[in-house]
Protein backbone atom coordinates (compact mmCIF):
# COMPACT_ATOMS: atom_id res chain seq x y z
CA UNK A 1 20.52 7.81 -18.62
CA UNK A 2 20.36 5.91 -15.44
CA UNK A 3 18.69 8.92 -13.72
CA UNK A 4 15.91 8.89 -16.34
CA UNK A 5 15.29 5.16 -16.03
CA UNK A 6 14.98 5.54 -12.37
CA UNK A 7 12.52 8.46 -12.80
CA UNK A 8 10.49 6.35 -15.22
CA UNK A 9 10.37 3.47 -12.77
CA UNK A 10 9.18 5.93 -9.99
CA UNK A 11 6.38 7.22 -12.10
CA UNK A 12 5.38 3.67 -13.23
CA UNK A 13 5.25 2.73 -9.65
CA UNK A 14 3.14 5.79 -8.83
CA UNK A 15 0.72 4.97 -11.68
CA UNK A 16 0.38 1.28 -10.57
CA UNK A 17 -0.08 2.03 -6.85
CA UNK A 18 -2.29 5.14 -7.35
CA UNK A 19 -4.73 3.38 -9.76
CA UNK A 20 -4.98 0.17 -7.52
CA UNK A 21 -7.71 1.59 -5.52
CA UNK A 22 -9.80 2.77 -8.49
CA UNK A 23 -11.44 -0.74 -9.07
CA UNK A 24 -12.57 -0.58 -5.42
CA UNK A 25 -14.07 2.73 -5.64
CA UNK A 26 -15.95 1.86 -8.85
CA UNK A 27 -17.16 -1.43 -7.31
CA UNK A 28 -18.38 0.38 -4.18
CA UNK A 29 -20.16 3.09 -6.27
CA UNK A 30 -21.82 0.54 -8.58
CA UNK A 31 -23.07 -1.73 -5.55
CA UNK A 32 -23.87 1.38 -3.25
CA UNK A 33 -22.64 -0.92 -0.41
CA UNK A 34 -19.50 -1.02 1.56
CA UNK A 35 -20.35 -3.68 4.10
CA UNK A 36 -17.45 -5.87 2.98
CA UNK A 37 -14.84 -3.20 3.33
CA UNK A 38 -12.52 -3.26 6.26
CA UNK A 39 -12.61 0.16 7.92
CA UNK A 40 -9.59 -0.50 10.09
CA UNK A 41 -7.61 -1.48 7.01
CA UNK A 42 -8.33 1.68 5.08
CA UNK A 43 -7.86 3.93 8.19
CA UNK A 44 -4.37 2.34 8.67
CA UNK A 45 -3.69 2.62 4.88
CA UNK A 46 -4.63 6.25 4.89
CA UNK A 47 -2.51 7.02 7.87
CA UNK A 48 0.37 5.36 6.09
CA UNK A 49 -0.32 7.51 3.02
CA UNK A 50 -0.28 10.64 5.25
CA UNK A 51 2.99 9.52 6.77
CA UNK A 52 4.50 8.79 3.29
CA UNK A 53 3.26 12.17 2.05
CA UNK A 54 5.05 13.95 4.89
CA UNK A 55 8.26 12.05 4.11
CA UNK A 56 8.02 12.59 0.36
CA UNK A 57 7.42 16.27 0.85
CA UNK A 58 10.35 16.40 3.32
CA UNK A 59 12.71 14.88 0.64
CA UNK A 60 10.94 16.67 -2.24
CA UNK A 61 10.31 13.46 -4.31
CA UNK A 62 7.67 14.62 -6.76
CA UNK A 63 6.68 10.96 -7.90
CA UNK A 64 6.05 10.00 -4.33
CA UNK A 65 4.24 13.23 -3.50
CA UNK A 66 1.83 12.73 -6.53
CA UNK A 67 1.33 9.14 -5.79
CA UNK A 68 0.66 9.47 -2.08
CA UNK A 69 -1.86 12.41 -2.79
CA UNK A 70 -3.72 10.35 -5.26
CA UNK A 71 -3.83 7.20 -3.06
CA UNK A 72 -4.85 9.26 0.03
CA UNK A 73 -7.61 10.79 -1.92
CA UNK A 74 -8.97 7.39 -3.13
CA UNK A 75 -8.68 6.00 0.43
CA UNK A 76 -10.61 8.97 1.73
CA UNK A 77 -13.23 8.37 -0.98
CA UNK A 78 -13.44 4.65 0.06
CA UNK A 79 -13.89 5.57 3.85
CA UNK A 80 -16.50 8.14 2.87
CA UNK A 81 -18.46 5.65 1.01
CA UNK A 82 -18.05 3.19 3.90
CA UNK A 83 -19.53 5.74 6.27
CA UNK A 84 -22.39 6.66 3.88
CA UNK A 85 -23.35 3.11 2.95
CA UNK A 86 -22.84 1.38 6.10
């Protein structure tokens, strides 16, 4: 039972952290402007996601793998929008 609760917590954390970037993506898309976005912050964030992904693959932690892939994709989308609409 305890393992199931820990897994649920892991998936809830994955859900919250992964969707946290969606409002930013939506706002950038609506405004078609990314001038207020910090490029260095998102580059550092994406690098962190890559490192977390390597770690989570190493330990075979499925919730972390899923969450890091989603977060990395969203960070790349934000950086791409920043590049396109600079």
